[in-house]
Amino acid sequence: MDVLYGLHPVEEALKSGARQIDHISVARERRDPKVERLVETARVAKVRVTMEPRVQLDKHAKTDMHQGVVAFLKERKFLALEDLLEAPVGASGHRFLLALDGVEDPHNLGALLRSADGAGIDGVVLPERRSAPLTGTVAKSSAGASEHVRIAKVVNLARALETMKQRHVWIVGLDERGTPDYTDFDFRQDTCLVLGSEGSGLHELIKRNCDHLLRIPMAGSVNSLNVSVAGAVVMYEAMRQRRGPQVTAVASKPEKPRKGLGS
């Protein structure tokens, strides 16, 4: 049974209804309106609530950062790639998917799922191997967004990207030596953004499967961003473009020379 901990993640799991919750344990020592509201929400949803000592919740969650709330979930059923490709298209008229190639840090995965939910991503594609599992740490890092994002798992990510190409989805990877800049790419078309691992980035085979490799220009001393930050930057640029014409700033300061990633 999967364990989900933290007030907000458990609350989001109850709201989404995407995961079947077996029961919720609440620390006997915690008494406040937020917990009382969660307990009432659980009872309305007909989810059993038990009271346990906080030390017992520490053991369930394998951390003391559970805020006095731990939910026990039945195994998550992931979608297939076809489920994402055949789902109704959103208001923009174009699909926007996110594929992760080797993101193994649960905090990065959680942060990416939170940004994906906020940016209106239609679905996330994860490989069965070389990916952080969807643990309670991921759910906590995503502030509960992992319970709302549609996630498909695939055996072979390169083959999944080829399948998307056959369905007229543009595959764009993020790479420090890529070109053009991410702001110069037109996201107003069916697109899958591919992000690589925290250390080595995209694998060579995955790079070869990309139609375009985009970069984030850097003006400082470092030449890269954390994968979760970089992903958020590009996802929100795509959302900005898909919302339609934007008002151009009346005036701006002279642009400083920009240093490209990998230069």
C-alpha atoms as a PDB file:
ATOM      1  CA  MET A   1       0.000   0.000   0.000  1.00  0.00           C
ATOM      2  CA  ASP A   2       1.319   3.468  -0.898  1.00  0.00           C
ATOM      3  CA  VAL A   3       1.729   6.046   1.863  1.00  0.00           C
ATOM      4  CA  LEU A   4       0.905   9.723   1.362  1.00  0.00           C
ATOM      5  CA  TYR A   5       1.680  12.231   4.099  1.00  0.00           C
ATOM      6  CA  GLY A   6       1.195  15.909   4.774  1.00  0.00           C
ATOM      7  CA  LEU A   7      -1.991  17.890   5.265  1.00  0.00           C
ATOM      8  CA  HIS A   8      -2.206  19.415   1.784  1.00  0.00           C
ATOM      9  CA  PRO A   9      -1.253  16.299  -0.247  1.00  0.00           C
ATOM     10  CA  VAL A  10      -3.790  14.165   1.618  1.00  0.00           C
ATOM     11  CA  GLU A  11      -6.462  16.836   1.203  1.00  0.00           C
ATOM     12  CA  GLU A  12      -5.743  16.991  -2.554  1.00  0.00           C
ATOM     13  CA  ALA A  13      -5.952  13.202  -2.810  1.00  0.00           C
ATOM     14  CA  LEU A  14      -9.390  13.331  -1.199  1.00  0.00           C
ATOM     15  CA  LYS A  15     -10.543  16.096  -3.555  1.00  0.00           C
ATOM     16  CA  SER A  16      -9.221  14.568  -6.768  1.00  0.00           C
ATOM     17  CA  GLY A  17     -10.681  11.119  -6.225  1.00  0.00           C
ATOM     18  CA  ALA A  18      -7.937   9.795  -8.522  1.00  0.00           C
ATOM     19  CA  ARG A  19      -6.546   7.460  -5.866  1.00  0.00           C
ATOM     20  CA  GLN A  20      -8.572   5.068  -3.747  1.00  0.00           C
ATOM     21  CA  ILE A  21      -7.755   5.792  -0.102  1.00  0.00           C
ATOM     22  CA  ASP A  22      -7.949   2.836   2.259  1.00  0.00           C
ATOM     23  CA  HIS A  23      -7.796   4.920   5.433  1.00  0.00           C
ATOM     24  CA  ILE A  24      -6.217   8.000   7.006  1.00  0.00           C
ATOM     25  CA  SER A  25      -4.306   8.163  10.274  1.00  0.00           C
ATOM     26  CA  VAL A  26      -4.212  11.396  12.276  1.00  0.00           C
ATOM     27  CA  ALA A  27      -1.875  12.144  15.186  1.00  0.00           C
ATOM     28  CA  ARG A  28      -3.685  12.179  18.531  1.00  0.00           C
ATOM     29  CA  GLU A  29      -1.538  15.115  19.591  1.00  0.00           C
ATOM     30  CA  ARG A  30      -2.760  17.402  16.786  1.00  0.00           C
ATOM     31  CA  ARG A  31      -6.009  19.327  17.293  1.00  0.00           C
ATOM     32  CA  ASP A  32      -6.709  22.325  15.081  1.00  0.00           C
ATOM     33  CA  PRO A  33      -9.330  23.514  12.545  1.00  0.00           C
ATOM     34  CA  LYS A  34      -7.317  22.373   9.489  1.00  0.00           C
ATOM     35  CA  VAL A  35      -7.139  18.793  10.679  1.00  0.00           C
ATOM     36  CA  GLU A  36     -10.781  18.854  11.758  1.00  0.00           C
ATOM     37  CA  ARG A  37     -11.796  20.008   8.250  1.00  0.00           C
ATOM     38  CA  LEU A  38      -9.757  17.216   6.686  1.00  0.00           C
ATOM     39  CA  VAL A  39     -11.322  14.630   8.989  1.00  0.00           C
ATOM     40  CA  GLU A  40     -14.799  15.903   8.076  1.00  0.00           C
ATOM     41  CA  THR A  41     -13.944  15.774   4.359  1.00  0.00           C
ATOM     42  CA  ALA A  42     -12.758  12.183   4.794  1.00  0.00           C
ATOM     43  CA  ARG A  43     -15.922  11.186   6.586  1.00  0.00           C
ATOM     44  CA  VAL A  44     -18.097  12.731   3.864  1.00  0.00           C
ATOM     45  CA  ALA A  45     -16.063  10.741   1.327  1.00  0.00           C
ATOM     46  CA  LYS A  46     -16.618   7.645   3.490  1.00  0.00           C
ATOM     47  CA  VAL A  47     -12.909   7.194   4.165  1.00  0.00           C
ATOM     48  CA  ARG A  48     -12.051   5.645   7.522  1.00  0.00           C
ATOM     49  CA  VAL A  49     -10.044   7.847   9.918  1.00  0.00           C
ATOM     50  CA  THR A  50      -7.973   6.458  12.806  1.00  0.00           C
ATOM     51  CA  MET A  51      -6.144   8.264  15.607  1.00  0.00           C
ATOM     52  CA  GLU A  52      -2.579   7.198  16.416  1.00  0.00           C
ATOM     53  CA  PRO A  53       0.368   8.548  18.401  1.00  0.00           C
ATOM     54  CA  ARG A  54       2.599  10.878  16.397  1.00  0.00           C
ATOM     55  CA  VAL A  55       5.547   8.503  16.857  1.00  0.00           C
ATOM     56  CA  GLN A  56       3.569   5.818  15.016  1.00  0.00           C
ATOM     57  CA  LEU A  57       2.942   8.184  12.117  1.00  0.00           C
ATOM     58  CA  ASP A  58       6.706   8.820  11.997  1.00  0.00           C
ATOM     59  CA  LYS A  59       7.154   5.099  11.363  1.00  0.00           C
ATOM     60  CA  HIS A  60       4.427   4.952   8.697  1.00  0.00           C
ATOM     61  CA  ALA A  61       5.799   7.944   6.781  1.00  0.00           C
ATOM     62  CA  LYS A  62       9.479   7.198   7.531  1.00  0.00           C
ATOM     63  CA  THR A  63       9.808  10.901   8.375  1.00  0.00           C
ATOM     64  CA  ASP A  64       8.545  13.329  10.992  1.00  0.00           C
ATOM     65  CA  MET A  65       7.492  15.839   8.296  1.00  0.00           C
ATOM     66  CA  HIS A  66       3.960  14.418   7.954  1.00  0.00           C
ATOM     67  CA  GLN A  67       2.175  17.282   9.788  1.00  0.00           C
ATOM     68  CA  GLY A  68       0.203  14.734  11.781  1.00  0.00           C
ATOM     69  CA  VAL A  69      -1.618  13.242   8.759  1.00  0.00           C
ATOM     70  CA  VAL A  70      -0.848  10.019   6.860  1.00  0.00           C
ATOM     71  CA  ALA A  71      -3.048   8.416   4.197  1.00  0.00           C
ATOM     72  CA  PHE A  72      -2.781   4.811   3.043  1.00  0.00           C
ATOM     73  CA  LEU A  73      -3.532   4.500  -0.664  1.00  0.00           C
ATOM     74  CA  LYS A  74      -4.269   1.550  -2.829  1.00  0.00           C
ATOM     75  CA  GLU A  75      -1.831   1.018  -5.690  1.00  0.00           C
ATOM     76  CA  ARG A  76      -1.954   3.735  -8.335  1.00  0.00           C
ATOM     77  CA  LYS A  77      -2.999   2.671 -11.823  1.00  0.00           C
ATOM     78  CA  PHE A  78      -1.011   4.552 -14.433  1.00  0.00           C
ATOM     79  CA  LEU A  79      -2.353   5.506 -17.832  1.00  0.00           C
ATOM     80  CA  ALA A  80      -1.024   4.256 -21.163  1.00  0.00           C
ATOM     81  CA  LEU A  81       0.498   6.640 -23.705  1.00  0.00           C
ATOM     82  CA  GLU A  82      -2.570   6.181 -25.916  1.00  0.00           C
ATOM     83  CA  ASP A  83      -4.758   7.490 -23.096  1.00  0.00           C
ATOM     84  CA  LEU A  84      -2.893  10.803 -23.240  1.00  0.00           C
ATOM     85  CA  LEU A  85      -2.901  10.989 -27.038  1.00  0.00           C
ATOM     86  CA  GLU A  86      -6.580  10.189 -27.389  1.00  0.00           C
ATOM     87  CA  ALA A  87      -7.846  12.449 -24.603  1.00  0.00           C
ATOM     88  CA  PRO A  88      -9.885  15.538 -25.571  1.00  0.00           C
ATOM     89  CA  VAL A  89      -7.742  18.557 -26.453  1.00  0.00           C
ATOM     90  CA  GLY A  90      -7.820  21.511 -24.053  1.00  0.00           C
ATOM     91  CA  ALA A  91      -8.872  25.112 -24.644  1.00  0.00           C
ATOM     92  CA  SER A  92      -5.680  25.964 -26.580  1.00  0.00           C
ATOM     93  CA  GLY A  93      -6.584  23.440 -29.263  1.00  0.00           C
ATOM     94  CA  HIS A  94      -3.183  21.733 -29.022  1.00  0.00           C
ATOM     95  CA  ARG A  95      -1.751  19.037 -26.779  1.00  0.00           C
ATOM     96  CA  PHE A  96       1.157  19.838 -24.491  1.00  0.00           C
ATOM     97  CA  LEU A  97       2.851  16.833 -22.908  1.00  0.00           C
ATOM     98  CA  LEU A  98       5.876  16.492 -20.633  1.00  0.00           C
ATOM     99  CA  ALA A  99       8.283  13.532 -20.837  1.00  0.00           C
ATOM    100  CA  LEU A 100      10.992  12.954 -18.246  1.00  0.00           C
ATOM    101  CA  ASP A 101      14.187  11.123 -19.191  1.00  0.00           C
ATOM    102  CA  GLY A 102      15.804   9.940 -15.989  1.00  0.00           C
ATOM    103  CA  VAL A 103      14.587  12.381 -13.313  1.00  0.00           C
ATOM    104  CA  GLU A 104      15.432  10.320 -10.239  1.00  0.00           C
ATOM    105  CA  ASP A 105      15.270  12.868  -7.432  1.00  0.00           C
ATOM    106  CA  PRO A 106      11.798  12.737  -5.810  1.00  0.00           C
ATOM    107  CA  HIS A 107      11.891  16.439  -4.902  1.00  0.00           C
ATOM    108  CA  ASN A 108      12.599  17.401  -8.523  1.00  0.00           C
ATOM    109  CA  LEU A 109       9.872  15.084  -9.765  1.00  0.00           C
ATOM    110  CA  GLY A 110       7.409  16.557  -7.267  1.00  0.00           C
ATOM    111  CA  ALA A 111       8.331  20.115  -8.242  1.00  0.00           C
ATOM    112  CA  LEU A 112       7.929  19.279 -11.950  1.00  0.00           C
ATOM    113  CA  LEU A 113       4.502  17.728 -11.381  1.00  0.00           C
ATOM    114  CA  ARG A 114       3.448  20.837  -9.451  1.00  0.00           C
ATOM    115  CA  SER A 115       4.566  23.082 -12.335  1.00  0.00           C
ATOM    116  CA  ALA A 116       2.940  20.758 -14.876  1.00  0.00           C
ATOM    117  CA  ASP A 117      -0.373  21.047 -13.073  1.00  0.00           C
ATOM    118  CA  GLY A 118      -0.077  24.820 -12.815  1.00  0.00           C
ATOM    119  CA  ALA A 119       0.893  25.236 -16.483  1.00  0.00           C
ATOM    120  CA  GLY A 120      -1.972  23.095 -17.739  1.00  0.00           C
ATOM    121  CA  ILE A 121       0.096  20.170 -19.038  1.00  0.00           C
ATOM    122  CA  ASP A 122      -2.188  17.539 -20.617  1.00  0.00           C
ATOM    123  CA  GLY A 123      -0.135  14.610 -19.375  1.00  0.00           C
ATOM    124  CA  VAL A 124       3.252  13.441 -18.130  1.00  0.00           C
ATOM    125  CA  VAL A 125       5.162  10.479 -19.569  1.00  0.00           C
ATOM    126  CA  LEU A 126       7.520   8.603 -17.238  1.00  0.00           C
ATOM    127  CA  PRO A 127       9.771   5.644 -18.097  1.00  0.00           C
ATOM    128  CA  GLU A 128       9.357   2.552 -15.950  1.00  0.00           C
ATOM    129  CA  ARG A 129      13.114   2.603 -15.293  1.00  0.00           C
ATOM    130  CA  ARG A 130      15.374   5.570 -14.482  1.00  0.00           C
ATOM    131  CA  SER A 131      12.600   7.513 -12.799  1.00  0.00           C
ATOM    132  CA  ALA A 132      11.814   8.376  -9.209  1.00  0.00           C
ATOM    133  CA  PRO A 133       8.790   6.391  -7.974  1.00  0.00           C
ATOM    134  CA  LEU A 134       5.681   8.322  -6.983  1.00  0.00           C
ATOM    135  CA  THR A 135       6.247   8.198  -3.244  1.00  0.00           C
ATOM    136  CA  GLY A 136       4.930  10.323  -0.420  1.00  0.00           C
ATOM    137  CA  THR A 137       8.000  12.541  -0.813  1.00  0.00           C
ATOM    138  CA  VAL A 138       7.010  13.272  -4.420  1.00  0.00           C
ATOM    139  CA  ALA A 139       3.450  14.046  -3.378  1.00  0.00           C
ATOM    140  CA  LYS A 140       4.646  16.341  -0.586  1.00  0.00           C
ATOM    141  CA  SER A 141       7.075  18.142  -2.924  1.00  0.00           C
ATOM    142  CA  SER A 142       4.297  18.603  -5.473  1.00  0.00           C
ATOM    143  CA  ALA A 143       1.948  20.066  -2.807  1.00  0.00           C
ATOM    144  CA  GLY A 144      -0.600  17.450  -3.808  1.00  0.00           C
ATOM    145  CA  ALA A 145      -0.445  18.172  -7.558  1.00  0.00           C
ATOM    146  CA  SER A 146       0.747  14.617  -8.243  1.00  0.00           C
ATOM    147  CA  GLU A 147      -2.780  13.479  -7.421  1.00  0.00           C
ATOM    148  CA  HIS A 148      -4.238  15.628 -10.222  1.00  0.00           C
ATOM    149  CA  VAL A 149      -1.732  15.287 -13.075  1.00  0.00           C
ATOM    150  CA  ARG A 150      -2.457  12.562 -15.645  1.00  0.00           C
ATOM    151  CA  ILE A 151       0.588  10.269 -15.725  1.00  0.00           C
ATOM    152  CA  ALA A 152       1.444   7.509 -18.211  1.00  0.00           C
ATOM    153  CA  LYS A 153       4.272   5.025 -17.725  1.00  0.00           C
ATOM    154  CA  VAL A 154       6.105   3.535 -20.707  1.00  0.00           C
ATOM    155  CA  VAL A 155       8.657   0.738 -21.033  1.00  0.00           C
ATOM    156  CA  ASN A 156      10.727   2.485 -23.716  1.00  0.00           C
ATOM    157  CA  LEU A 157      10.753   6.292 -23.748  1.00  0.00           C
ATOM    158  CA  ALA A 158      12.461   6.555 -27.169  1.00  0.00           C
ATOM    159  CA  ARG A 159       9.757   4.381 -28.722  1.00  0.00           C
ATOM    160  CA  ALA A 160       7.075   6.460 -26.997  1.00  0.00           C
ATOM    161  CA  LEU A 161       8.531   9.628 -28.547  1.00  0.00           C
ATOM    162  CA  GLU A 162       8.463   7.968 -31.973  1.00  0.00           C
ATOM    163  CA  THR A 163       4.805   7.095 -31.435  1.00  0.00           C
ATOM    164  CA  MET A 164       4.071  10.734 -30.582  1.00  0.00           C
ATOM    165  CA  LYS A 165       5.836  11.866 -33.766  1.00  0.00           C
ATOM    166  CA  GLN A 166       3.614   9.561 -35.793  1.00  0.00           C
ATOM    167  CA  ARG A 167       0.661  11.336 -34.174  1.00  0.00           C
ATOM    168  CA  HIS A 168       2.031  14.723 -35.350  1.00  0.00           C
ATOM    169  CA  VAL A 169       3.391  15.792 -31.952  1.00  0.00           C
ATOM    170  CA  TRP A 170       6.578  17.882 -32.070  1.00  0.00           C
ATOM    171  CA  ILE A 171       9.276  16.529 -29.736  1.00  0.00           C
ATOM    172  CA  VAL A 172      11.391  19.290 -28.180  1.00  0.00           C
ATOM    173  CA  GLY A 173      14.182  18.579 -25.719  1.00  0.00           C
ATOM    174  CA  LEU A 174      15.899  21.016 -23.383  1.00  0.00           C
ATOM    175  CA  ASP A 175      19.673  21.007 -23.779  1.00  0.00           C
ATOM    176  CA  GLU A 176      22.366  23.534 -22.848  1.00  0.00           C
ATOM    177  CA  ARG A 177      23.884  23.301 -26.340  1.00  0.00           C
ATOM    178  CA  GLY A 178      20.559  23.483 -28.132  1.00  0.00           C
ATOM    179  CA  THR A 179      19.265  26.121 -30.477  1.00  0.00           C
ATOM    180  CA  PRO A 180      17.056  28.144 -30.688  1.00  0.00           C
ATOM    181  CA  ASP A 181      16.240  29.801 -27.362  1.00  0.00           C
ATOM    182  CA  TYR A 182      13.084  28.393 -25.790  1.00  0.00           C
ATOM    183  CA  THR A 183      11.311  31.750 -26.256  1.00  0.00           C
ATOM    184  CA  ASP A 184      11.819  31.511 -30.040  1.00  0.00           C
ATOM    185  CA  PHE A 185       9.968  28.218 -30.377  1.00  0.00           C
ATOM    186  CA  ASP A 186       6.275  28.256 -31.285  1.00  0.00           C
ATOM    187  CA  PHE A 187       4.455  26.148 -28.690  1.00  0.00           C
ATOM    188  CA  ARG A 188       1.079  26.749 -30.361  1.00  0.00           C
ATOM    189  CA  GLN A 189       1.128  23.245 -31.849  1.00  0.00           C
ATOM    190  CA  ASP A 190       0.994  19.722 -30.447  1.00  0.00           C
ATOM    191  CA  THR A 191       4.215  19.508 -28.437  1.00  0.00           C
ATOM    192  CA  CYS A 192       6.005  17.202 -26.012  1.00  0.00           C
ATOM    193  CA  LEU A 193       8.721  18.803 -23.872  1.00  0.00           C
ATOM    194  CA  VAL A 194      11.467  16.344 -22.880  1.00  0.00           C
ATOM    195  CA  LEU A 195      13.655  16.984 -19.822  1.00  0.00           C
ATOM    196  CA  GLY A 196      16.764  15.009 -18.900  1.00  0.00           C
ATOM    197  CA  SER A 197      18.290  13.786 -15.687  1.00  0.00           C
ATOM    198  CA  GLU A 198      19.705  15.990 -12.957  1.00  0.00           C
ATOM    199  CA  GLY A 199      23.348  15.195 -13.739  1.00  0.00           C
ATOM    200  CA  SER A 200      23.820  14.250 -17.391  1.00  0.00           C
ATOM    201  CA  GLY A 201      20.733  15.715 -19.050  1.00  0.00           C
ATOM    202  CA  LEU A 202      19.136  13.967 -22.020  1.00  0.00           C
ATOM    203  CA  HIS A 203      20.488  10.583 -23.118  1.00  0.00           C
ATOM    204  CA  GLU A 204      21.962  10.568 -26.640  1.00  0.00           C
ATOM    205  CA  LEU A 205      19.238   8.292 -28.003  1.00  0.00           C
ATOM    206  CA  ILE A 206      16.570  10.612 -26.655  1.00  0.00           C
ATOM    207  CA  LYS A 207      18.337  13.635 -28.152  1.00  0.00           C
ATOM    208  CA  ARG A 208      18.295  11.959 -31.563  1.00  0.00           C
ATOM    209  CA  ASN A 209      14.551  11.459 -31.208  1.00  0.00           C
ATOM    210  CA  CYS A 210      13.947  15.176 -30.628  1.00  0.00           C
ATOM    211  CA  ASP A 211      12.818  17.390 -33.501  1.00  0.00           C
ATOM    212  CA  HIS A 212      14.356  20.426 -31.782  1.00  0.00           C
ATOM    213  CA  LEU A 213      16.753  21.008 -28.895  1.00  0.00           C
ATOM    214  CA  LEU A 214      16.007  24.275 -27.091  1.00  0.00           C
ATOM    215  CA  ARG A 215      18.184  26.192 -24.662  1.00  0.00           C
ATOM    216  CA  ILE A 216      17.588  28.602 -21.813  1.00  0.00           C
ATOM    217  CA  PRO A 217      19.966  31.563 -22.179  1.00  0.00           C
ATOM    218  CA  MET A 218      21.984  32.308 -19.065  1.00  0.00           C
ATOM    219  CA  ALA A 219      23.365  35.740 -18.147  1.00  0.00           C
ATOM    220  CA  GLY A 220      25.190  34.809 -14.951  1.00  0.00           C
ATOM    221  CA  SER A 221      28.212  32.749 -13.958  1.00  0.00           C
ATOM    222  CA  VAL A 222      26.570  29.305 -13.966  1.00  0.00           C
ATOM    223  CA  ASN A 223      25.594  27.627 -17.217  1.00  0.00           C
ATOM    224  CA  SER A 224      22.518  25.663 -16.180  1.00  0.00           C
ATOM    225  CA  LEU A 225      19.402  25.569 -14.017  1.00  0.00           C
ATOM    226  CA  ASN A 226      18.050  22.811 -11.823  1.00  0.00           C
ATOM    227  CA  VAL A 227      15.850  20.541 -13.985  1.00  0.00           C
ATOM    228  CA  SER A 228      12.683  21.400 -12.065  1.00  0.00           C
ATOM    229  CA  VAL A 229      13.320  25.142 -12.413  1.00  0.00           C
ATOM    230  CA  ALA A 230      14.229  24.835 -16.101  1.00  0.00           C
ATOM    231  CA  GLY A 231      11.105  22.786 -16.763  1.00  0.00           C
ATOM    232  CA  ALA A 232       8.900  25.346 -15.025  1.00  0.00           C
ATOM    233  CA  VAL A 233      10.425  28.190 -17.059  1.00  0.00           C
ATOM    234  CA  VAL A 234       9.661  26.479 -20.382  1.00  0.00           C
ATOM    235  CA  MET A 235       6.222  25.194 -19.374  1.00  0.00           C
ATOM    236  CA  TYR A 236       5.074  28.657 -18.385  1.00  0.00           C
ATOM    237  CA  GLU A 237       6.438  30.163 -21.597  1.00  0.00           C
ATOM    238  CA  ALA A 238       4.357  27.617 -23.494  1.00  0.00           C
ATOM    239  CA  MET A 239       1.305  28.548 -21.418  1.00  0.00           C
ATOM    240  CA  ARG A 240       1.923  32.241 -22.110  1.00  0.00           C
ATOM    241  CA  GLN A 241       2.049  31.625 -25.859  1.00  0.00           C
ATOM    242  CA  ARG A 242      -1.060  29.464 -25.845  1.00  0.00           C
ATOM    243  CA  ARG A 243      -3.097  32.103 -24.070  1.00  0.00           C
ATOM    244  CA  GLY A 244      -2.946  34.271 -27.196  1.00  0.00           C
ATOM    245  CA  PRO A 245      -1.517  37.702 -28.062  1.00  0.00           C
ATOM    246  CA  GLN A 246       0.170  39.508 -25.202  1.00  0.00           C
ATOM    247  CA  VAL A 247       0.581  43.255 -24.635  1.00  0.00           C
ATOM    248  CA  THR A 248       4.120  44.361 -25.524  1.00  0.00           C
ATOM    249  CA  ALA A 249       5.931  46.410 -22.901  1.00  0.00           C
ATOM    250  CA  VAL A 250       5.943  50.121 -23.711  1.00  0.00           C
ATOM    251  CA  ALA A 251       9.561  50.607 -22.718  1.00  0.00           C
ATOM    252  CA  SER A 252      12.411  48.453 -21.562  1.00  0.00           C
ATOM    253  CA  LYS A 253      16.030  48.824 -20.569  1.00  0.00           C
ATOM    254  CA  PRO A 254      18.715  48.117 -23.206  1.00  0.00           C
ATOM    255  CA  GLU A 255      19.272  44.392 -23.438  1.00  0.00           C
ATOM    256  CA  LYS A 256      22.520  43.097 -21.925  1.00  0.00           C
ATOM    257  CA  PRO A 257      24.580  40.569 -23.919  1.00  0.00           C
ATOM    258  CA  ARG A 258      23.304  37.101 -23.100  1.00  0.00           C
ATOM    259  CA  LYS A 259      25.400  34.058 -22.494  1.00  0.00           C
ATOM    260  CA  GLY A 260      23.953  30.868 -23.928  1.00  0.00           C
ATOM    261  CA  LEU A 261      23.894  27.587 -22.074  1.00  0.00           C
ATOM    262  CA  GLY A 262      26.930  25.492 -22.901  1.00  0.00           C
ATOM    263  CA  SER A 263      28.883  28.330 -24.491  1.00  0.00           C
END
